[in-house]
C-alpha atoms as a PDB file:
ATOM      1  CA  MET A   1     -20.352 -10.364   1.114  1.00  0.00           C
ATOM      2  CA  TYR A   2     -17.273 -11.674  -0.754  1.00  0.00           C
ATOM      3  CA  ALA A   3     -14.495 -13.334   1.267  1.00  0.00           C
ATOM      4  CA  TYR A   4     -12.300 -13.944  -1.755  1.00  0.00           C
ATOM      5  CA  ILE A   5     -12.417 -14.367  -5.518  1.00  0.00           C
ATOM      6  CA  LYS A   6     -10.465 -17.074  -7.301  1.00  0.00           C
ATOM      7  CA  GLY A   7     -10.248 -16.970 -11.067  1.00  0.00           C
ATOM      8  CA  ILE A   8      -8.166 -16.093 -14.099  1.00  0.00           C
ATOM      9  CA  LEU A   9      -6.261 -12.823 -14.138  1.00  0.00           C
ATOM     10  CA  THR A  10      -7.272 -11.161 -17.400  1.00  0.00           C
ATOM     11  CA  TYR A  11      -5.960  -7.611 -16.855  1.00  0.00           C
ATOM     12  CA  LYS A  12      -3.657  -5.831 -14.426  1.00  0.00           C
ATOM     13  CA  THR A  13      -2.333  -2.361 -13.712  1.00  0.00           C
ATOM     14  CA  ILE A  14      -0.634  -0.927 -10.634  1.00  0.00           C
ATOM     15  CA  ASN A  15      -4.014  -0.127  -9.036  1.00  0.00           C
ATOM     16  CA  GLU A  16      -6.564  -2.435 -10.686  1.00  0.00           C
ATOM     17  CA  VAL A  17      -7.047  -6.046 -11.762  1.00  0.00           C
ATOM     18  CA  HIS A  18      -9.760  -7.930 -13.626  1.00  0.00           C
ATOM     19  CA  LEU A  19     -10.518 -11.469 -12.482  1.00  0.00           C
ATOM     20  CA  GLU A  20     -12.762 -13.807 -14.456  1.00  0.00           C
ATOM     21  CA  ALA A  21     -14.528 -16.341 -12.253  1.00  0.00           C
ATOM     22  CA  GLY A  22     -17.554 -18.446 -13.197  1.00  0.00           C
ATOM     23  CA  GLY A  23     -18.100 -16.502 -16.398  1.00  0.00           C
ATOM     24  CA  VAL A  24     -18.175 -13.154 -14.554  1.00  0.00           C
ATOM     25  CA  GLY A  25     -15.463 -10.505 -14.807  1.00  0.00           C
ATOM     26  CA  TYR A  26     -14.703  -8.703 -11.547  1.00  0.00           C
ATOM     27  CA  SER A  27     -12.842  -5.394 -11.365  1.00  0.00           C
ATOM     28  CA  LEU A  28     -10.891  -4.983  -8.119  1.00  0.00           C
ATOM     29  CA  ALA A  29      -8.918  -2.003  -6.870  1.00  0.00           C
ATOM     30  CA  ILE A  30      -5.593  -3.132  -5.371  1.00  0.00           C
ATOM     31  CA  PRO A  31      -2.630  -1.609  -3.503  1.00  0.00           C
ATOM     32  CA  ARG A  32       0.849  -1.551  -5.041  1.00  0.00           C
ATOM     33  CA  SER A  33       1.980  -4.261  -2.610  1.00  0.00           C
ATOM     34  CA  THR A  34      -0.542  -6.672  -4.136  1.00  0.00           C
ATOM     35  CA  PHE A  35       0.431  -5.679  -7.688  1.00  0.00           C
ATOM     36  CA  ASP A  36       4.063  -6.551  -6.896  1.00  0.00           C
ATOM     37  CA  VAL A  37       3.195 -10.234  -6.327  1.00  0.00           C
ATOM     38  CA  LEU A  38       0.684 -10.765  -9.149  1.00  0.00           C
ATOM     39  CA  PRO A  39       1.253 -13.581 -11.652  1.00  0.00           C
ATOM     40  CA  GLY A  40       1.104 -12.963 -15.389  1.00  0.00           C
ATOM     41  CA  GLU A  41      -2.170 -12.390 -17.212  1.00  0.00           C
ATOM     42  CA  GLY A  42      -3.946 -15.622 -18.096  1.00  0.00           C
ATOM     43  CA  GLN A  43      -2.874 -17.328 -14.860  1.00  0.00           C
ATOM     44  CA  GLU A  44      -5.024 -18.344 -11.906  1.00  0.00           C
ATOM     45  CA  LEU A  45      -5.177 -15.960  -8.968  1.00  0.00           C
ATOM     46  CA  MET A  46      -6.998 -15.745  -5.648  1.00  0.00           C
ATOM     47  CA  LEU A  47      -7.444 -12.382  -3.941  1.00  0.00           C
ATOM     48  CA  LEU A  48      -8.985 -11.678  -0.548  1.00  0.00           C
ATOM     49  CA  THR A  49     -11.691  -9.071  -0.954  1.00  0.00           C
ATOM     50  CA  HIS A  50     -13.472  -6.216   0.755  1.00  0.00           C
ATOM     51  CA  PHE A  51     -16.780  -4.981  -0.672  1.00  0.00           C
ATOM     52  CA  VAL A  52     -18.049  -1.431  -0.082  1.00  0.00           C
ATOM     53  CA  VAL A  53     -21.583  -0.309  -0.943  1.00  0.00           C
ATOM     54  CA  LYS A  54     -22.106   3.417  -1.459  1.00  0.00           C
ATOM     55  CA  GLU A  55     -25.166   5.375  -2.530  1.00  0.00           C
ATOM     56  CA  ASP A  56     -23.842   5.975  -6.035  1.00  0.00           C
ATOM     57  CA  ARG A  57     -21.578   2.938  -6.601  1.00  0.00           C
ATOM     58  CA  HIS A  58     -20.236  -0.380  -5.358  1.00  0.00           C
ATOM     59  CA  GLU A  59     -16.499  -0.838  -4.829  1.00  0.00           C
ATOM     60  CA  LEU A  60     -14.552  -4.107  -4.675  1.00  0.00           C
ATOM     61  CA  TYR A  61     -11.013  -4.218  -3.301  1.00  0.00           C
ATOM     62  CA  GLY A  62      -8.506  -7.060  -3.578  1.00  0.00           C
ATOM     63  CA  PHE A  63      -5.544  -8.025  -1.394  1.00  0.00           C
ATOM     64  CA  ALA A  64      -2.770 -10.592  -1.590  1.00  0.00           C
ATOM     65  CA  THR A  65      -2.566 -11.111   2.198  1.00  0.00           C
ATOM     66  CA  GLU A  66      -4.848 -11.044   5.212  1.00  0.00           C
ATOM     67  CA  CYS A  67      -2.680  -8.462   6.978  1.00  0.00           C
ATOM     68  CA  GLU A  68      -3.175  -6.044   4.067  1.00  0.00           C
ATOM     69  CA  ARG A  69      -6.943  -6.485   4.135  1.00  0.00           C
ATOM     70  CA  SER A  70      -7.049  -6.232   7.922  1.00  0.00           C
ATOM     71  CA  LEU A  71      -5.121  -2.944   7.894  1.00  0.00           C
ATOM     72  CA  PHE A  72      -7.272  -1.617   5.036  1.00  0.00           C
ATOM     73  CA  ARG A  73     -10.383  -2.241   7.136  1.00  0.00           C
ATOM     74  CA  LYS A  74      -8.810  -0.477  10.112  1.00  0.00           C
ATOM     75  CA  LEU A  75      -7.979   2.526   7.934  1.00  0.00           C
ATOM     76  CA  LEU A  76     -11.592   2.784   6.763  1.00  0.00           C
ATOM     77  CA  THR A  77     -12.652   3.347  10.390  1.00  0.00           C
ATOM     78  CA  VAL A  78     -10.652   6.595  10.476  1.00  0.00           C
ATOM     79  CA  ASN A  79     -12.709   9.738   9.968  1.00  0.00           C
ATOM     80  CA  ARG A  80     -12.418  11.082   6.381  1.00  0.00           C
ATOM     81  CA  VAL A  81     -10.349   8.121   5.157  1.00  0.00           C
ATOM     82  CA  GLY A  82     -11.981   6.359   2.224  1.00  0.00           C
ATOM     83  CA  GLY A  83     -10.874   3.524   0.013  1.00  0.00           C
ATOM     84  CA  SER A  84      -8.570   5.610  -2.199  1.00  0.00           C
ATOM     85  CA  ILE A  85      -6.578   7.029   0.731  1.00  0.00           C
ATOM     86  CA  ALA A  86      -6.428   3.623   2.440  1.00  0.00           C
ATOM     87  CA  LEU A  87      -5.063   2.072  -0.771  1.00  0.00           C
ATOM     88  CA  ALA A  88      -2.555   4.918  -1.143  1.00  0.00           C
ATOM     89  CA  ILE A  89      -1.250   4.204   2.370  1.00  0.00           C
ATOM     90  CA  LEU A  90      -0.941   0.482   1.648  1.00  0.00           C
ATOM     91  CA  SER A  91       0.807   1.322  -1.634  1.00  0.00           C
ATOM     92  CA  SER A  92       3.326   3.533   0.166  1.00  0.00           C
ATOM     93  CA  PHE A  93       4.224   1.360   3.151  1.00  0.00           C
ATOM     94  CA  ARG A  94       4.353  -2.292   4.094  1.00  0.00           C
ATOM     95  CA  VAL A  95       2.041  -3.225   6.952  1.00  0.00           C
ATOM     96  CA  GLY A  96       4.902  -3.466   9.447  1.00  0.00           C
ATOM     97  CA  GLU A  97       6.229  -0.058   8.365  1.00  0.00           C
ATOM     98  CA  PHE A  98       2.829   1.560   8.823  1.00  0.00           C
ATOM     99  CA  VAL A  99       2.404   0.101  12.312  1.00  0.00           C
ATOM    100  CA  THR A 100       5.825   1.495  13.240  1.00  0.00           C
ATOM    101  CA  ILE A 101       4.847   4.904  11.834  1.00  0.00           C
ATOM    102  CA  VAL A 102       1.716   4.978  14.005  1.00  0.00           C
ATOM    103  CA  ASN A 103       3.535   3.714  17.110  1.00  0.00           C
ATOM    104  CA  THR A 104       6.273   6.346  16.746  1.00  0.00           C
ATOM    105  CA  ASP A 105       3.927   9.237  15.817  1.00  0.00           C
ATOM    106  CA  ASN A 106       5.831   9.811  12.573  1.00  0.00           C
ATOM    107  CA  VAL A 107       3.463  12.367  11.031  1.00  0.00           C
ATOM    108  CA  ARG A 108       6.128  13.709   8.651  1.00  0.00           C
ATOM    109  CA  LEU A 109       6.650  10.378   6.908  1.00  0.00           C
ATOM    110  CA  LEU A 110       2.925   9.683   6.643  1.00  0.00           C
ATOM    111  CA  THR A 111       2.380  13.004   4.841  1.00  0.00           C
ATOM    112  CA  ASN A 112       4.342  11.508   1.915  1.00  0.00           C
ATOM    113  CA  VAL A 113       1.159   9.613   1.012  1.00  0.00           C
ATOM    114  CA  SER A 114      -0.530  11.216  -1.988  1.00  0.00           C
ATOM    115  CA  GLY A 115      -3.756  12.950  -0.936  1.00  0.00           C
ATOM    116  CA  LEU A 116      -2.999  12.865   2.791  1.00  0.00           C
ATOM    117  CA  GLY A 117      -1.931  16.184   4.274  1.00  0.00           C
ATOM    118  CA  LYS A 118      -0.552  16.913   7.733  1.00  0.00           C
ATOM    119  CA  LYS A 119      -3.955  17.104   9.419  1.00  0.00           C
ATOM    120  CA  GLY A 120      -5.045  13.867   7.782  1.00  0.00           C
ATOM    121  CA  ALA A 121      -1.826  12.122   8.841  1.00  0.00           C
ATOM    122  CA  GLU A 122      -2.261  13.355  12.415  1.00  0.00           C
ATOM    123  CA  ARG A 123      -5.855  12.080  12.430  1.00  0.00           C
ATOM    124  CA  VAL A 124      -4.832   8.641  11.141  1.00  0.00           C
ATOM    125  CA  ILE A 125      -2.184   8.273  13.841  1.00  0.00           C
ATOM    126  CA  LEU A 126      -4.463   9.594  16.593  1.00  0.00           C
ATOM    127  CA  GLU A 127      -7.402   7.344  15.712  1.00  0.00           C
ATOM    128  CA  LEU A 128      -5.346   4.176  15.136  1.00  0.00           C
ATOM    129  CA  LYS A 129      -2.953   4.553  18.061  1.00  0.00           C
ATOM    130  CA  ASN A 130      -3.131   1.382  20.212  1.00  0.00           C
ATOM    131  CA  LYS A 131      -5.709  -0.133  17.842  1.00  0.00           C
ATOM    132  CA  LEU A 132      -3.442  -2.151  15.569  1.00  0.00           C
ATOM    133  CA  ASP A 133      -2.602  -5.019  17.921  1.00  0.00           C
ATOM    134  CA  ASP A 134      -5.117  -7.319  16.234  1.00  0.00           C
ATOM    135  CA  VAL A 135      -3.873  -6.617  12.713  1.00  0.00           C
ATOM    136  CA  SER A 136      -2.472 -10.020  11.774  1.00  0.00           C
ATOM    137  CA  LEU A 137       1.095  -9.032  10.939  1.00  0.00           C
ATOM    138  CA  VAL A 138       3.227 -11.368   8.902  1.00  0.00           C
ATOM    139  CA  GLU A 139       6.014  -8.815   8.779  1.00  0.00           C
ATOM    140  CA  THR A 140       8.230  -7.574  11.562  1.00  0.00           C
ATOM    141  CA  GLY A 141       8.228  -3.936  12.562  1.00  0.00           C
ATOM    142  CA  VAL A 142      10.682  -1.560  10.946  1.00  0.00           C
ATOM    143  CA  SER A 143      13.236   0.507  12.824  1.00  0.00           C
ATOM    144  CA  GLU A 144      12.992   4.283  13.035  1.00  0.00           C
ATOM    145  CA  GLU A 145      16.354   4.461  11.232  1.00  0.00           C
ATOM    146  CA  LYS A 146      14.913   2.619   8.227  1.00  0.00           C
ATOM    147  CA  LEU A 147      11.812   4.803   8.271  1.00  0.00           C
ATOM    148  CA  GLY A 148      14.018   7.910   8.230  1.00  0.00           C
ATOM    149  CA  LEU A 149      15.908   6.499   5.256  1.00  0.00           C
ATOM    150  CA  THR A 150      12.620   5.900   3.433  1.00  0.00           C
ATOM    151  CA  GLY A 151      11.531   9.498   4.006  1.00  0.00           C
ATOM    152  CA  GLU A 152      14.869  10.905   2.797  1.00  0.00           C
ATOM    153  CA  ALA A 153      14.717   8.846  -0.395  1.00  0.00           C
ATOM    154  CA  ILE A 154      11.154   9.940  -1.170  1.00  0.00           C
ATOM    155  CA  GLU A 155      12.103  13.593  -0.654  1.00  0.00           C
ATOM    156  CA  ALA A 156      15.168  13.165  -2.902  1.00  0.00           C
ATOM    157  CA  LEU A 157      13.106  11.667  -5.735  1.00  0.00           C
ATOM    158  CA  CYS A 158      10.467  14.392  -5.394  1.00  0.00           C
ATOM    159  CA  ALA A 159      13.213  17.027  -5.629  1.00  0.00           C
ATOM    160  CA  LEU A 160      14.246  15.408  -8.926  1.00  0.00           C
ATOM    161  CA  GLY A 161      10.735  15.834 -10.318  1.00  0.00           C
ATOM    162  CA  TYR A 162       9.034  12.510  -9.550  1.00  0.00           C
ATOM    163  CA  ASN A 163       5.558  12.716  -7.997  1.00  0.00           C
ATOM    164  CA  ARG A 164       5.055  11.529  -4.412  1.00  0.00           C
ATOM    165  CA  SER A 165       2.931   8.546  -5.310  1.00  0.00           C
ATOM    166  CA  GLN A 166       5.517   7.234  -7.775  1.00  0.00           C
ATOM    167  CA  ALA A 167       8.407   7.976  -5.414  1.00  0.00           C
ATOM    168  CA  SER A 168       6.686   6.251  -2.467  1.00  0.00           C
ATOM    169  CA  GLY A 169       5.882   3.176  -4.538  1.00  0.00           C
ATOM    170  CA  ILE A 170       9.422   2.805  -5.906  1.00  0.00           C
ATOM    171  CA  VAL A 171      11.086   3.387  -2.533  1.00  0.00           C
ATOM    172  CA  GLY A 172       8.718   0.869  -0.932  1.00  0.00           C
ATOM    173  CA  MET A 173       9.751  -1.751  -3.492  1.00  0.00           C
ATOM    174  CA  VAL A 174      13.458  -1.094  -2.936  1.00  0.00           C
ATOM    175  CA  MET A 175      13.112  -1.291   0.852  1.00  0.00           C
ATOM    176  CA  LYS A 176      11.886  -4.884   0.473  1.00  0.00           C
ATOM    177  CA  GLN A 177      15.321  -5.834  -0.858  1.00  0.00           C
ATOM    178  CA  GLU A 178      18.060  -7.115   1.429  1.00  0.00           C
ATOM    179  CA  GLY A 179      21.183  -5.077   2.115  1.00  0.00           C
ATOM    180  CA  ILE A 180      19.765  -1.549   1.686  1.00  0.00           C
ATOM    181  CA  LYS A 181      21.536   0.306   4.488  1.00  0.00           C
ATOM    182  CA  ASP A 182      22.158   3.825   3.211  1.00  0.00           C
ATOM    183  CA  LEU A 183      20.569   6.496   1.034  1.00  0.00           C
ATOM    184  CA  GLN A 184      23.046   6.073  -1.825  1.00  0.00           C
ATOM    185  CA  ALA A 185      22.291   2.344  -2.186  1.00  0.00           C
ATOM    186  CA  LEU A 186      18.549   2.977  -1.931  1.00  0.00           C
ATOM    187  CA  LEU A 187      18.554   5.639  -4.638  1.00  0.00           C
ATOM    188  CA  ARG A 188      20.783   3.555  -6.913  1.00  0.00           C
ATOM    189  CA  GLU A 189      18.260   0.683  -6.807  1.00  0.00           C
ATOM    190  CA  ALA A 190      15.331   3.115  -7.164  1.00  0.00           C
ATOM    191  CA  PHE A 191      16.792   4.550 -10.373  1.00  0.00           C
ATOM    192  CA  LYS A 192      17.207   1.022 -11.772  1.00  0.00           C
ATOM    193  CA  LEU A 193      13.484   0.350 -11.183  1.00  0.00           C
ATOM    194  CA  LEU A 194      12.456   3.731 -12.581  1.00  0.00           C
ATOM    195  CA  ARG A 195      14.405   3.069 -15.788  1.00  0.00           C
ATOM    196  CA  ASN A 196      12.539  -0.232 -16.216  1.00  0.00           C
ATOM    197  CA  GLU A 197       9.020   1.166 -15.625  1.00  0.00           C
END
């Protein structure tokens, strides 16, 4: 129904934005990856959208890139995966990282997603295996070594008392930086971000 919405960003949080377009204010749920590239409030913004109609409510989702929206739509085809879990996955991993997780059957790392247990992670991998070739990737895949590093960092932050959702989001942001090659460097940068939140 909606391909995209272009308007003025009037409100933003890590998981929601309000866009005013044509005198109408739209509330869109977004993944952390989209939040990371948002402009300041009061500036113009265009988000690609996905609209879901349910019996009791309508839901509108916004994405900064086509590869995010494409993967989100793939995730919704998985049994028992709704919008909130799909957004949590996109908030925890970049698209290229998620494709690598599925291709390498990395159930353990996928269980770091808030609300997705072992059975759910296994189901996601099973149902999406060999079905992600047409997801328009703008990122390269990620090595298993880097994925292992991501998992270790998330576990370390959880052991220090941070919740999984927060830990996954912070680690995902750090992994986008250049030169992160070991756990010590990753955690050092993660603590810097956590102090600034």
